[in-house]
Amino acid sequence: MNNATQHPVALGRFARTVRALSYVCGFIAASLVALAVVVVCHMVFVRYMLNQSTIWQTDLITYCITAATFIGSPYVLMTRGHVNVNVLPLYLSSRPRFVLALFASLTSAAFCAVMTVLTFLFWKEAWDQRWLSDTMWRARLWIPYSAMPIGLGLLTLQYMVDIAALVTGRDAPFDIPIEPQA
């Protein structure tokens, strides 16, 4: 196999791996939301039927929903589940649409990469200083904080896959089919 054919194979393998990870992230995010729903039901039962106080439920629900947001973001990007306004791209010709899509993706990937580093440093501080929540539950905060660098790191990788697919022509800019040249 020569060097020219190795790059598309390696790129395809990388894209499949990142997409598989994004799919797993979607499953984990959905599971976290389901867990939060079950815990809310438990909390209501304990609070109003058994007339007992709730200690850990509110924290766990907050952590689950926040983690689902961060960890689920690569899946949302992969499936194009986010809100996308295509007014400007619809009125652009192919080349400016491509440039705009590339600029938007590169800017988003750069933002996510910076946020990955910053949230990792935040997580590390929580780990090193053994931060605990201020509630009675006293949860170790490095656990819920880990969702931020994990989710943003995988989101950055998913953006890289999307950029590679855009540059190689595997995906159309903004998923708008390219009109044939006259």
C-alpha atoms as a PDB file:
ATOM      1  CA  MET A   1       0.000   0.000   0.000  1.00  0.00           C
ATOM      2  CA  ASN A   2       1.537   3.309  -1.002  1.00  0.00           C
ATOM      3  CA  ASN A   3       1.438   6.569   0.946  1.00  0.00           C
ATOM      4  CA  ALA A   4      -1.410   8.065  -1.138  1.00  0.00           C
ATOM      5  CA  THR A   5      -3.774   5.197  -0.351  1.00  0.00           C
ATOM      6  CA  GLN A   6      -2.826   4.977   3.349  1.00  0.00           C
ATOM      7  CA  HIS A   7      -4.168   8.445   4.183  1.00  0.00           C
ATOM      8  CA  PRO A   8      -7.768   7.794   3.084  1.00  0.00           C
ATOM      9  CA  VAL A   9      -7.718   4.429   4.879  1.00  0.00           C
ATOM     10  CA  ALA A  10      -6.359   6.001   8.072  1.00  0.00           C
ATOM     11  CA  LEU A  11      -8.844   8.864   7.790  1.00  0.00           C
ATOM     12  CA  GLY A  12     -11.706   6.418   7.308  1.00  0.00           C
ATOM     13  CA  ARG A  13     -10.599   4.361  10.314  1.00  0.00           C
ATOM     14  CA  PHE A  14     -10.290   7.514  12.435  1.00  0.00           C
ATOM     15  CA  ALA A  15     -13.736   8.722  11.306  1.00  0.00           C
ATOM     16  CA  ARG A  16     -15.345   5.346  12.074  1.00  0.00           C
ATOM     17  CA  THR A  17     -13.734   5.270  15.516  1.00  0.00           C
ATOM     18  CA  VAL A  18     -14.838   8.801  16.392  1.00  0.00           C
ATOM     19  CA  ARG A  19     -18.357   8.150  15.079  1.00  0.00           C
ATOM     20  CA  ALA A  20     -18.549   4.964  17.151  1.00  0.00           C
ATOM     21  CA  LEU A  21     -17.449   6.921  20.222  1.00  0.00           C
ATOM     22  CA  SER A  22     -20.033   9.608  19.433  1.00  0.00           C
ATOM     23  CA  TYR A  23     -22.717   6.927  19.166  1.00  0.00           C
ATOM     24  CA  VAL A  24     -21.668   5.508  22.549  1.00  0.00           C
ATOM     25  CA  CYS A  25     -21.809   9.044  23.961  1.00  0.00           C
ATOM     26  CA  GLY A  26     -25.376   9.371  22.696  1.00  0.00           C
ATOM     27  CA  PHE A  27     -26.307   6.136  24.437  1.00  0.00           C
ATOM     28  CA  ILE A  28     -24.638   7.271  27.671  1.00  0.00           C
ATOM     29  CA  ALA A  29     -26.389  10.659  27.497  1.00  0.00           C
ATOM     30  CA  ALA A  30     -29.785   9.011  26.964  1.00  0.00           C
ATOM     31  CA  SER A  31     -29.066   6.669  29.886  1.00  0.00           C
ATOM     32  CA  LEU A  32     -28.175   9.616  32.105  1.00  0.00           C
ATOM     33  CA  VAL A  33     -31.436  11.355  31.238  1.00  0.00           C
ATOM     34  CA  ALA A  34     -33.357   8.125  31.942  1.00  0.00           C
ATOM     35  CA  LEU A  35     -31.548   7.775  35.265  1.00  0.00           C
ATOM     36  CA  ALA A  36     -32.460  11.367  36.133  1.00  0.00           C
ATOM     37  CA  VAL A  37     -36.129  10.631  35.410  1.00  0.00           C
ATOM     38  CA  VAL A  38     -36.066   7.543  37.642  1.00  0.00           C
ATOM     39  CA  VAL A  39     -34.375   9.513  40.429  1.00  0.00           C
ATOM     40  CA  VAL A  40     -36.980  12.293  40.137  1.00  0.00           C
ATOM     41  CA  CYS A  41     -39.725   9.691  40.544  1.00  0.00           C
ATOM     42  CA  HIS A  42     -37.896   8.232  43.532  1.00  0.00           C
ATOM     43  CA  MET A  43     -37.467  11.694  45.020  1.00  0.00           C
ATOM     44  CA  VAL A  44     -41.167  12.489  44.670  1.00  0.00           C
ATOM     45  CA  PHE A  45     -42.125   9.155  46.242  1.00  0.00           C
ATOM     46  CA  VAL A  46     -39.728   9.534  49.171  1.00  0.00           C
ATOM     47  CA  ARG A  47     -40.584  13.168  49.746  1.00  0.00           C
ATOM     48  CA  TYR A  48     -44.378  13.107  49.444  1.00  0.00           C
ATOM     49  CA  MET A  49     -45.392   9.528  50.144  1.00  0.00           C
ATOM     50  CA  LEU A  50     -42.911   8.595  52.870  1.00  0.00           C
ATOM     51  CA  ASN A  51     -42.516  12.174  54.136  1.00  0.00           C
ATOM     52  CA  GLN A  52     -38.729  11.817  54.319  1.00  0.00           C
ATOM     53  CA  SER A  53     -36.095  14.304  53.321  1.00  0.00           C
ATOM     54  CA  THR A  54     -34.108  13.935  50.143  1.00  0.00           C
ATOM     55  CA  ILE A  55     -30.367  14.342  50.376  1.00  0.00           C
ATOM     56  CA  TRP A  56     -28.639  13.115  47.242  1.00  0.00           C
ATOM     57  CA  GLN A  57     -31.395  13.131  44.618  1.00  0.00           C
ATOM     58  CA  THR A  58     -31.310  16.807  43.594  1.00  0.00           C
ATOM     59  CA  ASP A  59     -27.540  16.759  43.198  1.00  0.00           C
ATOM     60  CA  LEU A  60     -27.565  13.533  41.205  1.00  0.00           C
ATOM     61  CA  ILE A  61     -30.281  14.831  38.882  1.00  0.00           C
ATOM     62  CA  THR A  62     -28.345  18.050  38.270  1.00  0.00           C
ATOM     63  CA  TYR A  63     -25.123  16.144  37.592  1.00  0.00           C
ATOM     64  CA  CYS A  64     -26.869  13.649  35.288  1.00  0.00           C
ATOM     65  CA  ILE A  65     -28.554  16.301  33.151  1.00  0.00           C
ATOM     66  CA  THR A  66     -25.376  18.390  32.942  1.00  0.00           C
ATOM     67  CA  ALA A  67     -23.277  15.345  32.051  1.00  0.00           C
ATOM     68  CA  ALA A  68     -25.847  14.280  29.439  1.00  0.00           C
ATOM     69  CA  THR A  69     -25.520  17.708  27.832  1.00  0.00           C
ATOM     70  CA  PHE A  70     -21.745  17.556  27.558  1.00  0.00           C
ATOM     71  CA  ILE A  71     -21.360  13.857  26.810  1.00  0.00           C
ATOM     72  CA  GLY A  72     -24.251  13.844  24.333  1.00  0.00           C
ATOM     73  CA  SER A  73     -22.909  16.766  22.297  1.00  0.00           C
ATOM     74  CA  PRO A  74     -20.695  14.673  19.948  1.00  0.00           C
ATOM     75  CA  TYR A  75     -23.695  12.493  19.083  1.00  0.00           C
ATOM     76  CA  VAL A  76     -25.848  15.553  18.429  1.00  0.00           C
ATOM     77  CA  LEU A  77     -23.211  16.992  16.088  1.00  0.00           C
ATOM     78  CA  MET A  78     -22.739  13.670  14.311  1.00  0.00           C
ATOM     79  CA  THR A  79     -26.481  13.258  13.661  1.00  0.00           C
ATOM     80  CA  ARG A  80     -26.990  16.963  12.870  1.00  0.00           C
ATOM     81  CA  GLY A  81     -29.499  17.115  15.705  1.00  0.00           C
ATOM     82  CA  HIS A  82     -28.585  20.688  16.617  1.00  0.00           C
ATOM     83  CA  VAL A  83     -30.494  23.753  15.493  1.00  0.00           C
ATOM     84  CA  ASN A  84     -29.061  24.901  12.197  1.00  0.00           C
ATOM     85  CA  VAL A  85     -30.100  28.089  10.413  1.00  0.00           C
ATOM     86  CA  ASN A  86     -29.248  27.821   6.717  1.00  0.00           C
ATOM     87  CA  VAL A  87     -30.623  31.111   5.434  1.00  0.00           C
ATOM     88  CA  LEU A  88     -27.280  32.524   4.318  1.00  0.00           C
ATOM     89  CA  PRO A  89     -25.823  29.241   2.968  1.00  0.00           C
ATOM     90  CA  LEU A  90     -28.946  28.637   0.871  1.00  0.00           C
ATOM     91  CA  TYR A  91     -28.306  31.861  -1.052  1.00  0.00           C
ATOM     92  CA  LEU A  92     -24.584  31.321  -1.545  1.00  0.00           C
ATOM     93  CA  SER A  93     -23.019  29.567  -4.506  1.00  0.00           C
ATOM     94  CA  SER A  94     -20.986  26.397  -3.934  1.00  0.00           C
ATOM     95  CA  ARG A  95     -17.540  27.914  -3.285  1.00  0.00           C
ATOM     96  CA  PRO A  96     -18.603  30.611  -0.758  1.00  0.00           C
ATOM     97  CA  ARG A  97     -20.867  28.038   0.943  1.00  0.00           C
ATOM     98  CA  PHE A  98     -17.878  25.700   1.284  1.00  0.00           C
ATOM     99  CA  VAL A  99     -15.692  28.486   2.685  1.00  0.00           C
ATOM    100  CA  LEU A 100     -18.384  29.505   5.180  1.00  0.00           C
ATOM    101  CA  ALA A 101     -18.914  25.894   6.293  1.00  0.00           C
ATOM    102  CA  LEU A 102     -15.178  25.370   6.689  1.00  0.00           C
ATOM    103  CA  PHE A 103     -14.780  28.634   8.627  1.00  0.00           C
ATOM    104  CA  ALA A 104     -17.723  27.798  10.920  1.00  0.00           C
ATOM    105  CA  SER A 105     -16.439  24.279  11.575  1.00  0.00           C
ATOM    106  CA  LEU A 106     -12.845  25.381  12.187  1.00  0.00           C
ATOM    107  CA  THR A 107     -13.981  28.148  14.537  1.00  0.00           C
ATOM    108  CA  SER A 108     -16.252  25.759  16.431  1.00  0.00           C
ATOM    109  CA  ALA A 109     -13.530  23.109  16.659  1.00  0.00           C
ATOM    110  CA  ALA A 110     -11.028  25.676  17.949  1.00  0.00           C
ATOM    111  CA  PHE A 111     -13.520  26.898  20.562  1.00  0.00           C
ATOM    112  CA  CYS A 112     -14.226  23.321  21.678  1.00  0.00           C
ATOM    113  CA  ALA A 113     -10.494  22.531  21.845  1.00  0.00           C
ATOM    114  CA  VAL A 114      -9.832  25.561  24.050  1.00  0.00           C
ATOM    115  CA  MET A 115     -12.799  24.682  26.257  1.00  0.00           C
ATOM    116  CA  THR A 116     -11.539  21.091  26.508  1.00  0.00           C
ATOM    117  CA  VAL A 117      -8.231  22.315  27.895  1.00  0.00           C
ATOM    118  CA  LEU A 118      -9.865  24.787  30.284  1.00  0.00           C
ATOM    119  CA  THR A 119     -12.408  22.297  31.604  1.00  0.00           C
ATOM    120  CA  PHE A 120      -9.658  19.687  31.982  1.00  0.00           C
ATOM    121  CA  LEU A 121      -7.710  22.144  34.144  1.00  0.00           C
ATOM    122  CA  PHE A 122     -10.881  22.806  36.156  1.00  0.00           C
ATOM    123  CA  TRP A 123     -11.436  19.056  36.570  1.00  0.00           C
ATOM    124  CA  LYS A 124      -7.776  18.575  37.588  1.00  0.00           C
ATOM    125  CA  GLU A 125      -8.087  21.269  40.234  1.00  0.00           C
ATOM    126  CA  ALA A 126     -11.155  19.516  41.646  1.00  0.00           C
ATOM    127  CA  TRP A 127      -9.218  16.226  41.611  1.00  0.00           C
ATOM    128  CA  ASP A 128      -6.008  17.615  43.149  1.00  0.00           C
ATOM    129  CA  GLN A 129      -7.762  19.605  45.868  1.00  0.00           C
ATOM    130  CA  ARG A 130     -10.360  16.895  46.568  1.00  0.00           C
ATOM    131  CA  TRP A 131     -13.312  19.236  46.132  1.00  0.00           C
ATOM    132  CA  LEU A 132     -16.627  18.124  47.598  1.00  0.00           C
ATOM    133  CA  SER A 133     -20.088  19.498  46.947  1.00  0.00           C
ATOM    134  CA  ASP A 134     -21.446  21.947  49.509  1.00  0.00           C
ATOM    135  CA  THR A 135     -24.531  19.830  50.084  1.00  0.00           C
ATOM    136  CA  MET A 136     -25.117  17.150  52.698  1.00  0.00           C
ATOM    137  CA  TRP A 137     -24.283  14.509  50.118  1.00  0.00           C
ATOM    138  CA  ARG A 138     -20.681  15.767  49.864  1.00  0.00           C
ATOM    139  CA  ALA A 139     -20.164  14.328  46.387  1.00  0.00           C
ATOM    140  CA  ARG A 140     -16.626  14.255  45.008  1.00  0.00           C
ATOM    141  CA  LEU A 141     -16.853  16.967  42.363  1.00  0.00           C
ATOM    142  CA  TRP A 142     -14.204  15.513  40.051  1.00  0.00           C
ATOM    143  CA  ILE A 143     -16.736  12.843  39.081  1.00  0.00           C
ATOM    144  CA  PRO A 144     -19.440  15.125  37.605  1.00  0.00           C
ATOM    145  CA  TYR A 145     -16.822  17.628  36.384  1.00  0.00           C
ATOM    146  CA  SER A 146     -15.196  14.909  34.268  1.00  0.00           C
ATOM    147  CA  ALA A 147     -18.137  15.090  31.848  1.00  0.00           C
ATOM    148  CA  MET A 148     -16.988  18.503  30.649  1.00  0.00           C
ATOM    149  CA  PRO A 149     -13.518  17.667  29.260  1.00  0.00           C
ATOM    150  CA  ILE A 150     -14.699  14.242  28.053  1.00  0.00           C
ATOM    151  CA  GLY A 151     -17.697  15.634  26.183  1.00  0.00           C
ATOM    152  CA  LEU A 152     -15.857  18.649  24.785  1.00  0.00           C
ATOM    153  CA  GLY A 153     -12.832  16.553  23.809  1.00  0.00           C
ATOM    154  CA  LEU A 154     -14.993  14.105  21.877  1.00  0.00           C
ATOM    155  CA  LEU A 155     -16.947  17.007  20.380  1.00  0.00           C
ATOM    156  CA  THR A 156     -13.634  18.423  19.126  1.00  0.00           C
ATOM    157  CA  LEU A 157     -12.794  15.060  17.548  1.00  0.00           C
ATOM    158  CA  GLN A 158     -16.234  14.918  15.922  1.00  0.00           C
ATOM    159  CA  TYR A 159     -15.642  18.387  14.479  1.00  0.00           C
ATOM    160  CA  MET A 160     -12.312  17.160  13.093  1.00  0.00           C
ATOM    161  CA  VAL A 161     -14.090  14.264  11.388  1.00  0.00           C
ATOM    162  CA  ASP A 162     -16.711  16.655   9.986  1.00  0.00           C
ATOM    163  CA  ILE A 163     -13.992  19.010   8.719  1.00  0.00           C
ATOM    164  CA  ALA A 164     -12.158  16.120   7.057  1.00  0.00           C
ATOM    165  CA  ALA A 165     -15.407  14.940   5.443  1.00  0.00           C
ATOM    166  CA  LEU A 166     -16.076  18.478   4.219  1.00  0.00           C
ATOM    167  CA  VAL A 167     -12.573  18.996   2.812  1.00  0.00           C
ATOM    168  CA  THR A 168     -12.485  15.609   1.087  1.00  0.00           C
ATOM    169  CA  GLY A 169     -15.935  16.135  -0.429  1.00  0.00           C
ATOM    170  CA  ARG A 170     -17.600  13.297   1.489  1.00  0.00           C
ATOM    171  CA  ASP A 171     -20.103  15.729   3.024  1.00  0.00           C
ATOM    172  CA  ALA A 172     -21.715  18.745   1.390  1.00  0.00           C
ATOM    173  CA  PRO A 173     -21.382  22.110   3.148  1.00  0.00           C
ATOM    174  CA  PHE A 174     -24.318  22.572   5.537  1.00  0.00           C
ATOM    175  CA  ASP A 175     -25.713  19.308   4.082  1.00  0.00           C
ATOM    176  CA  ILE A 176     -26.950  21.296   1.091  1.00  0.00           C
ATOM    177  CA  PRO A 177     -26.405  19.324  -2.122  1.00  0.00           C
ATOM    178  CA  ILE A 178     -24.005  20.943  -4.549  1.00  0.00           C
ATOM    179  CA  GLU A 179     -25.783  22.019  -7.706  1.00  0.00           C
ATOM    180  CA  PRO A 180     -24.237  20.840 -10.985  1.00  0.00           C
ATOM    181  CA  GLN A 181     -22.060  23.349 -12.789  1.00  0.00           C
ATOM    182  CA  ALA A 182     -23.596  24.785 -15.956  1.00  0.00           C
END
